[in-house]
Amino acid sequence: MNRLIYENSVSHRGHPIVPFVFGMADGYSIYSYKLLSDLGHKGKFHKSENPAGIYSGSIASLIEIAKEHLDRHTDVLSQVDDFKSRYTYRHNLIIIYQQCGKYFYDRYPPTA
């Protein structure tokens, strides 16, 4: 799989939408995406790949497709962005979060 493009990730309804190049057609990139969930491993879309089943030739339109799908099918009720403290370091996604007064982080490699 190609590298996950964390630099272009967008958080929506408790899910970071992370695009990646799915393939090429006539020299143009075809994009897909993966999701994470602020419910962690309990979320039905955590680490899922393109649950909408639709691909795009641009990252911007792919993000809109993913947002539309999440608006209709998400299992996250919160509108709070728990992924606002996310960073890209050496192509790895680092998510920092607070729980019970302590800080934790999750690291996702670029080819997970």
C-alpha atoms as a PDB file:
ATOM      1  CA  MET A   1       0.000   0.000   0.000  1.00  0.00           C
ATOM      2  CA  ASN A   2       1.119   3.559  -0.593  1.00  0.00           C
ATOM      3  CA  ARG A   3       1.902   5.857   2.268  1.00  0.00           C
ATOM      4  CA  LEU A   4      -1.002   7.281   4.228  1.00  0.00           C
ATOM      5  CA  ILE A   5      -1.035  11.032   3.618  1.00  0.00           C
ATOM      6  CA  TYR A   6      -1.428  12.217   7.212  1.00  0.00           C
ATOM      7  CA  GLU A   7      -0.528  15.791   6.207  1.00  0.00           C
ATOM      8  CA  ASN A   8      -3.889  15.989   4.391  1.00  0.00           C
ATOM      9  CA  SER A   9      -5.941  14.305   7.108  1.00  0.00           C
ATOM     10  CA  VAL A  10      -9.118  16.004   8.257  1.00  0.00           C
ATOM     11  CA  SER A  11     -11.114  15.204  11.363  1.00  0.00           C
ATOM     12  CA  HIS A  12     -14.895  14.894  11.028  1.00  0.00           C
ATOM     13  CA  ARG A  13     -17.436  13.586  13.558  1.00  0.00           C
ATOM     14  CA  GLY A  14     -14.767  11.994  15.718  1.00  0.00           C
ATOM     15  CA  HIS A  15     -12.905  10.349  12.823  1.00  0.00           C
ATOM     16  CA  PRO A  16      -9.683  11.426  11.163  1.00  0.00           C
ATOM     17  CA  ILE A  17     -10.064  10.873   7.426  1.00  0.00           C
ATOM     18  CA  VAL A  18      -6.639   9.868   6.117  1.00  0.00           C
ATOM     19  CA  PRO A  19      -6.206   9.803   2.323  1.00  0.00           C
ATOM     20  CA  PHE A  20      -3.758   7.649   0.380  1.00  0.00           C
ATOM     21  CA  VAL A  21      -3.029   6.892  -3.269  1.00  0.00           C
ATOM     22  CA  PHE A  22      -4.992   3.737  -4.071  1.00  0.00           C
ATOM     23  CA  GLY A  23      -3.680   3.388  -7.605  1.00  0.00           C
ATOM     24  CA  MET A  24      -2.944   5.122 -10.880  1.00  0.00           C
ATOM     25  CA  ALA A  25      -4.985   5.451 -14.088  1.00  0.00           C
ATOM     26  CA  ASP A  26      -3.597   7.166 -17.187  1.00  0.00           C
ATOM     27  CA  GLY A  27      -0.915   8.780 -15.010  1.00  0.00           C
ATOM     28  CA  TYR A  28      -3.424  10.235 -12.530  1.00  0.00           C
ATOM     29  CA  SER A  29      -3.678   9.284  -8.878  1.00  0.00           C
ATOM     30  CA  ILE A  30      -6.817   7.560  -7.616  1.00  0.00           C
ATOM     31  CA  TYR A  31      -7.350   8.302  -3.920  1.00  0.00           C
ATOM     32  CA  SER A  32      -8.917   6.239  -1.174  1.00  0.00           C
ATOM     33  CA  TYR A  33      -8.951   6.768   2.588  1.00  0.00           C
ATOM     34  CA  LYS A  34      -8.718   5.134   5.978  1.00  0.00           C
ATOM     35  CA  LEU A  35     -10.540   6.138   9.137  1.00  0.00           C
ATOM     36  CA  LEU A  36      -9.735   6.084  12.815  1.00  0.00           C
ATOM     37  CA  SER A  37     -12.368   6.478  15.538  1.00  0.00           C
ATOM     38  CA  ASP A  38     -12.327   8.395  18.805  1.00  0.00           C
ATOM     39  CA  LEU A  39     -14.060   5.322  20.242  1.00  0.00           C
ATOM     40  CA  GLY A  40     -10.836   3.447  19.529  1.00  0.00           C
ATOM     41  CA  HIS A  41     -11.168  -0.252  18.894  1.00  0.00           C
ATOM     42  CA  LYS A  42     -14.852  -0.137  19.851  1.00  0.00           C
ATOM     43  CA  GLY A  43     -15.770   2.107  16.918  1.00  0.00           C
ATOM     44  CA  LYS A  44     -17.144   0.364  13.849  1.00  0.00           C
ATOM     45  CA  PHE A  45     -14.995   2.502  11.530  1.00  0.00           C
ATOM     46  CA  HIS A  46     -11.737   2.356  13.532  1.00  0.00           C
ATOM     47  CA  LYS A  47      -8.930   1.528  11.081  1.00  0.00           C
ATOM     48  CA  SER A  48     -11.462   0.837   8.333  1.00  0.00           C
ATOM     49  CA  GLU A  49     -10.607   1.425   4.703  1.00  0.00           C
ATOM     50  CA  ASN A  50     -13.019   3.372   2.511  1.00  0.00           C
ATOM     51  CA  PRO A  51     -16.338   2.209   4.003  1.00  0.00           C
ATOM     52  CA  ALA A  52     -18.186   4.348   1.426  1.00  0.00           C
ATOM     53  CA  GLY A  53     -16.611   2.304  -1.373  1.00  0.00           C
ATOM     54  CA  ILE A  54     -16.123   5.406  -3.536  1.00  0.00           C
ATOM     55  CA  TYR A  55     -12.761   6.620  -4.866  1.00  0.00           C
ATOM     56  CA  SER A  56     -11.755   9.993  -6.283  1.00  0.00           C
ATOM     57  CA  GLY A  57      -9.183  11.712  -8.448  1.00  0.00           C
ATOM     58  CA  SER A  58      -8.612  14.468  -5.872  1.00  0.00           C
ATOM     59  CA  ILE A  59      -8.037  14.531  -2.141  1.00  0.00           C
ATOM     60  CA  ALA A  60     -10.552  17.358  -1.616  1.00  0.00           C
ATOM     61  CA  SER A  61     -13.438  15.498  -3.247  1.00  0.00           C
ATOM     62  CA  LEU A  62     -12.466  12.273  -1.476  1.00  0.00           C
ATOM     63  CA  ILE A  63     -12.649  14.089   1.881  1.00  0.00           C
ATOM     64  CA  GLU A  64     -16.157  15.317   0.994  1.00  0.00           C
ATOM     65  CA  ILE A  65     -17.226  11.763   0.086  1.00  0.00           C
ATOM     66  CA  ALA A  66     -15.917  10.474   3.424  1.00  0.00           C
ATOM     67  CA  LYS A  67     -17.630  13.294   5.364  1.00  0.00           C
ATOM     68  CA  GLU A  68     -20.949  12.553   3.655  1.00  0.00           C
ATOM     69  CA  HIS A  69     -20.639   8.875   4.515  1.00  0.00           C
ATOM     70  CA  LEU A  70     -19.805   9.652   8.156  1.00  0.00           C
ATOM     71  CA  ASP A  71     -22.733  12.084   8.405  1.00  0.00           C
ATOM     72  CA  ARG A  72     -25.060   9.216   7.474  1.00  0.00           C
ATOM     73  CA  HIS A  73     -23.419   6.220   9.181  1.00  0.00           C
ATOM     74  CA  THR A  74     -21.204   7.243  12.102  1.00  0.00           C
ATOM     75  CA  ASP A  75     -21.422   5.541  15.498  1.00  0.00           C
ATOM     76  CA  VAL A  76     -19.792   8.528  17.232  1.00  0.00           C
ATOM     77  CA  LEU A  77     -22.301  10.877  18.821  1.00  0.00           C
ATOM     78  CA  SER A  78     -19.879  13.610  19.900  1.00  0.00           C
ATOM     79  CA  GLN A  79     -19.185  16.635  17.722  1.00  0.00           C
ATOM     80  CA  VAL A  80     -16.013  17.356  19.736  1.00  0.00           C
ATOM     81  CA  ASP A  81     -12.761  16.927  17.819  1.00  0.00           C
ATOM     82  CA  ASP A  82     -10.728  14.557  19.970  1.00  0.00           C
ATOM     83  CA  PHE A  83      -8.082  14.531  17.252  1.00  0.00           C
ATOM     84  CA  LYS A  84      -7.251  18.241  17.343  1.00  0.00           C
ATOM     85  CA  SER A  85      -3.869  17.414  18.929  1.00  0.00           C
ATOM     86  CA  ARG A  86      -2.512  15.374  16.041  1.00  0.00           C
ATOM     87  CA  TYR A  87       0.859  15.824  14.446  1.00  0.00           C
ATOM     88  CA  THR A  88       2.879  14.301  11.657  1.00  0.00           C
ATOM     89  CA  TYR A  89       6.447  13.365  12.526  1.00  0.00           C
ATOM     90  CA  ARG A  90       8.587  11.508   9.979  1.00  0.00           C
ATOM     91  CA  HIS A  91       5.391  10.520   8.155  1.00  0.00           C
ATOM     92  CA  ASN A  92       3.933   8.986  11.360  1.00  0.00           C
ATOM     93  CA  LEU A  93       0.672  10.268  12.817  1.00  0.00           C
ATOM     94  CA  ILE A  94       0.950  11.123  16.519  1.00  0.00           C
ATOM     95  CA  ILE A  95      -2.301  11.716  18.406  1.00  0.00           C
ATOM     96  CA  ILE A  96      -2.088  13.187  21.913  1.00  0.00           C
ATOM     97  CA  TYR A  97      -5.087  12.907  24.199  1.00  0.00           C
ATOM     98  CA  GLN A  98      -5.959  13.424  27.844  1.00  0.00           C
ATOM     99  CA  GLN A  99      -7.782  10.902  29.990  1.00  0.00           C
ATOM    100  CA  CYS A 100      -8.354  11.092  33.756  1.00  0.00           C
ATOM    101  CA  GLY A 101      -5.891  13.982  34.093  1.00  0.00           C
ATOM    102  CA  LYS A 102      -3.064  12.126  32.324  1.00  0.00           C
ATOM    103  CA  TYR A 103      -1.739  12.546  28.802  1.00  0.00           C
ATOM    104  CA  PHE A 104      -1.285   9.662  26.376  1.00  0.00           C
ATOM    105  CA  TYR A 105      -0.357   9.307  22.748  1.00  0.00           C
ATOM    106  CA  ASP A 106      -1.008   6.891  19.919  1.00  0.00           C
ATOM    107  CA  ARG A 107       1.365   6.503  16.983  1.00  0.00           C
ATOM    108  CA  TYR A 108       0.232   5.297  13.595  1.00  0.00           C
ATOM    109  CA  PRO A 109       2.908   4.399  11.024  1.00  0.00           C
ATOM    110  CA  PRO A 110       2.493   5.653   7.446  1.00  0.00           C
ATOM    111  CA  THR A 111       1.704   2.213   6.005  1.00  0.00           C
ATOM    112  CA  ALA A 112      -0.642   0.851   8.699  1.00  0.00           C
END
